[in-house]
Amino acid sequence: MGCKNCSKNYVWKFTNKKQLCKNCFCDYFERKIFATIRKFGIMPKNREFKIKNDKSLNANVVAYVLKKKFNVNFAEKTGINTTSLSQIAERIFFKILVGNFNNKIKNESPLYYLSDKEIELYARIKGISGKRSDKDDKISKLFNRFKQKNPDLEHNIINAFDQLR
């Protein structure tokens, strides 16, 4: 079954069964980044983004997308946050598990609403490389067991967290 808009083979399938082809997925991904920047007011006054040069896949993907509309520079020590939805959801999950949850996690990243899987797919389509983020294996395994029962777990955690802020 292909993409509704262009009847090509799909590369991404949402849990609501909506499917996107390569071009529609890339458009969706980029629009999500720009919408998140607007929502959190991440836009620098001079419209020039500085991204921490950590050679990560997330940083390289954000730089690739932002270069389409803005000036982007890599900085050695500081820059915009490039943490993904998956990383944030796992961090919140961990804090709840250890009984140390507070809603003070400040993480306004252009990738705030995009999962690691979406980022990796976009990178594969566009030929972007970089190192994947490090994760705590014990927490990741437990988190993935919960995700098997609830594929939207990451989104659900973030939505609940956003309501608490």
Protein backbone atom coordinates (compact mmCIF):
# COMPACT_ATOMS: atom_id res chain seq x y z
CA MET A 1 0.00 0.00 0.00
CA GLY A 2 1.42 3.36 -0.99
CA CYS A 3 1.31 6.92 0.24
CA LYS A 4 -2.14 8.51 -0.04
CA ASN A 5 -0.77 11.68 -1.59
CA CYS A 6 1.45 10.24 -4.29
CA SER A 7 0.72 6.50 -4.49
CA LYS A 8 4.36 5.45 -4.07
CA ASN A 9 5.68 2.75 -1.77
CA TYR A 10 5.72 3.84 1.85
CA VAL A 11 8.77 4.06 4.10
CA TRP A 12 7.01 5.09 7.32
CA LYS A 13 3.86 3.80 8.95
CA PHE A 14 2.27 5.54 11.94
CA THR A 15 0.43 3.54 14.60
CA ASN A 16 -2.85 4.96 13.23
CA LYS A 17 -2.00 3.11 9.96
CA LYS A 18 -1.24 6.31 8.01
CA GLN A 19 1.66 5.71 5.65
CA LEU A 20 4.17 8.06 4.03
CA CYS A 21 6.43 7.63 1.02
CA LYS A 22 10.04 8.85 1.07
CA ASN A 23 9.26 12.40 -0.10
CA CYS A 24 6.21 12.83 2.13
CA PHE A 25 8.12 11.50 5.14
CA CYS A 26 10.99 13.95 4.59
CA ASP A 27 8.49 16.81 4.22
CA TYR A 28 6.70 15.71 7.42
CA PHE A 29 10.02 15.43 9.30
CA GLU A 30 11.27 18.89 8.26
CA ARG A 31 7.92 20.57 8.97
CA LYS A 32 7.94 18.98 12.44
CA ILE A 33 11.37 20.47 13.18
CA PHE A 34 10.37 23.97 12.06
CA ALA A 35 7.08 23.79 13.98
CA THR A 36 8.93 22.76 17.14
CA ILE A 37 11.34 25.68 16.75
CA ARG A 38 8.37 28.05 16.51
CA LYS A 39 6.53 26.42 19.43
CA PHE A 40 9.46 26.65 21.86
CA GLY A 41 10.83 29.96 20.55
CA ILE A 42 14.22 28.41 19.79
CA MET A 43 14.90 30.84 16.93
CA PRO A 44 17.98 32.98 17.68
CA LYS A 45 17.50 36.72 17.25
CA ASN A 46 20.11 36.83 14.49
CA ARG A 47 18.50 33.76 12.82
CA GLU A 48 21.86 31.96 12.95
CA PHE A 49 21.82 28.60 14.71
CA LYS A 50 24.78 27.26 16.66
CA ILE A 51 24.81 23.52 17.11
CA LYS A 52 27.14 21.73 19.49
CA ASN A 53 29.71 19.87 17.42
CA ASP A 54 29.45 16.46 19.06
CA LYS A 55 29.48 14.48 15.79
CA SER A 56 26.16 12.89 16.75
CA LEU A 57 23.54 11.79 14.24
CA ASN A 58 21.01 14.11 15.89
CA ALA A 59 23.26 17.18 15.52
CA ASN A 60 24.06 16.34 11.89
CA VAL A 61 20.39 15.83 11.02
CA VAL A 62 19.33 19.11 12.69
CA ALA A 63 22.13 20.97 10.89
CA TYR A 64 21.13 19.44 7.55
CA VAL A 65 17.49 20.49 7.94
CA LEU A 66 18.20 23.97 9.32
CA LYS A 67 20.70 24.76 6.54
CA LYS A 68 17.77 24.73 4.12
CA LYS A 69 16.48 27.99 5.60
CA PHE A 70 19.05 29.42 8.02
CA ASN A 71 22.73 29.95 8.66
CA VAL A 72 24.11 27.11 10.78
CA ASN A 73 27.45 26.92 12.55
CA PHE A 74 28.92 24.21 14.70
CA ALA A 75 30.24 25.29 18.09
CA GLU A 76 32.65 23.36 20.31
CA LYS A 77 30.99 23.83 23.69
CA THR A 78 27.51 25.33 23.41
CA GLY A 79 24.69 25.23 20.95
CA ILE A 80 21.06 24.26 20.60
CA ASN A 81 19.93 21.05 22.19
CA THR A 82 19.52 18.09 19.81
CA THR A 83 17.94 15.55 22.16
CA SER A 84 15.20 13.41 20.58
CA LEU A 85 11.73 12.44 21.77
CA SER A 86 13.03 8.92 22.50
CA GLN A 87 15.86 10.19 24.70
CA ILE A 88 13.59 12.59 26.61
CA ALA A 89 10.91 9.93 27.13
CA GLU A 90 13.49 7.46 28.45
CA ARG A 91 14.91 10.10 30.79
CA ILE A 92 11.43 10.84 32.20
CA PHE A 93 10.71 7.09 32.46
CA PHE A 94 13.96 6.57 34.40
CA LYS A 95 13.24 9.47 36.76
CA ILE A 96 9.81 8.02 37.50
CA LEU A 97 11.32 4.56 38.13
CA VAL A 98 13.84 5.84 40.66
CA GLY A 99 11.27 8.11 42.32
CA ASN A 100 13.06 11.30 41.34
CA PHE A 101 10.55 12.78 38.90
CA ASN A 102 9.98 16.49 38.67
CA ASN A 103 8.59 18.44 35.79
CA LYS A 104 11.65 20.66 35.67
CA ILE A 105 13.28 18.86 32.75
CA LYS A 106 14.06 21.65 30.31
CA ASN A 107 14.57 20.16 26.94
CA GLU A 108 13.48 22.35 24.11
CA SER A 109 15.10 20.72 21.13
CA PRO A 110 14.08 20.85 17.44
CA LEU A 111 13.86 17.03 17.72
CA TYR A 112 11.56 17.14 20.78
CA TYR A 113 8.67 15.50 18.89
CA LEU A 114 10.72 13.15 16.68
CA SER A 115 11.73 9.63 17.72
CA ASP A 116 15.12 8.00 17.21
CA LYS A 117 13.57 5.74 14.56
CA GLU A 118 12.28 8.75 12.60
CA ILE A 119 15.67 10.47 12.87
CA GLU A 120 17.52 7.36 11.70
CA LEU A 121 15.14 6.88 8.76
CA TYR A 122 15.52 10.52 7.68
CA ALA A 123 19.32 10.23 7.98
CA ARG A 124 19.32 7.03 5.91
CA ILE A 125 17.16 8.64 3.19
CA LYS A 126 19.34 11.78 3.04
CA GLY A 127 22.69 9.98 3.47
CA ILE A 128 23.56 11.69 6.76
CA SER A 129 25.95 9.93 9.12
CA GLY A 130 26.93 10.39 12.74
CA LYS A 131 27.21 8.48 15.98
CA ARG A 132 24.05 7.32 17.69
CA SER A 133 23.26 8.54 21.17
CA ASP A 134 24.39 6.50 24.16
CA LYS A 135 21.68 4.90 26.26
CA ASP A 136 21.53 3.02 29.54
CA ASP A 137 21.08 -0.62 28.44
CA LYS A 138 19.04 -1.68 31.48
CA ILE A 139 16.59 1.21 31.13
CA SER A 140 16.41 0.81 27.33
CA LYS A 141 15.56 -2.89 27.60
CA LEU A 142 12.81 -2.25 30.15
CA PHE A 143 11.51 0.73 28.19
CA ASN A 144 11.41 -1.34 24.97
CA ARG A 145 9.40 -4.06 26.73
CA PHE A 146 6.80 -1.43 27.62
CA LYS A 147 6.92 -0.07 24.05
CA GLN A 148 6.04 -3.51 22.67
CA LYS A 149 2.75 -3.30 24.56
CA ASN A 150 2.23 0.39 23.74
CA PRO A 151 3.96 1.52 20.51
CA ASP A 152 3.02 5.15 21.26
CA LEU A 153 4.64 5.08 24.71
CA GLU A 154 7.23 7.75 23.88
CA HIS A 155 4.57 10.12 22.56
CA ASN A 156 2.29 9.38 25.50
CA ILE A 157 5.03 10.17 28.02
CA ILE A 158 5.90 13.44 26.28
CA ASN A 159 2.24 14.46 25.99
CA ALA A 160 1.68 13.77 29.70
CA PHE A 161 4.88 15.64 30.57
CA ASP A 162 3.82 18.63 28.47
CA GLN A 163 0.55 18.79 30.40
CA LEU A 164 2.46 18.94 33.69
CA ARG A 165 4.65 21.86 32.62
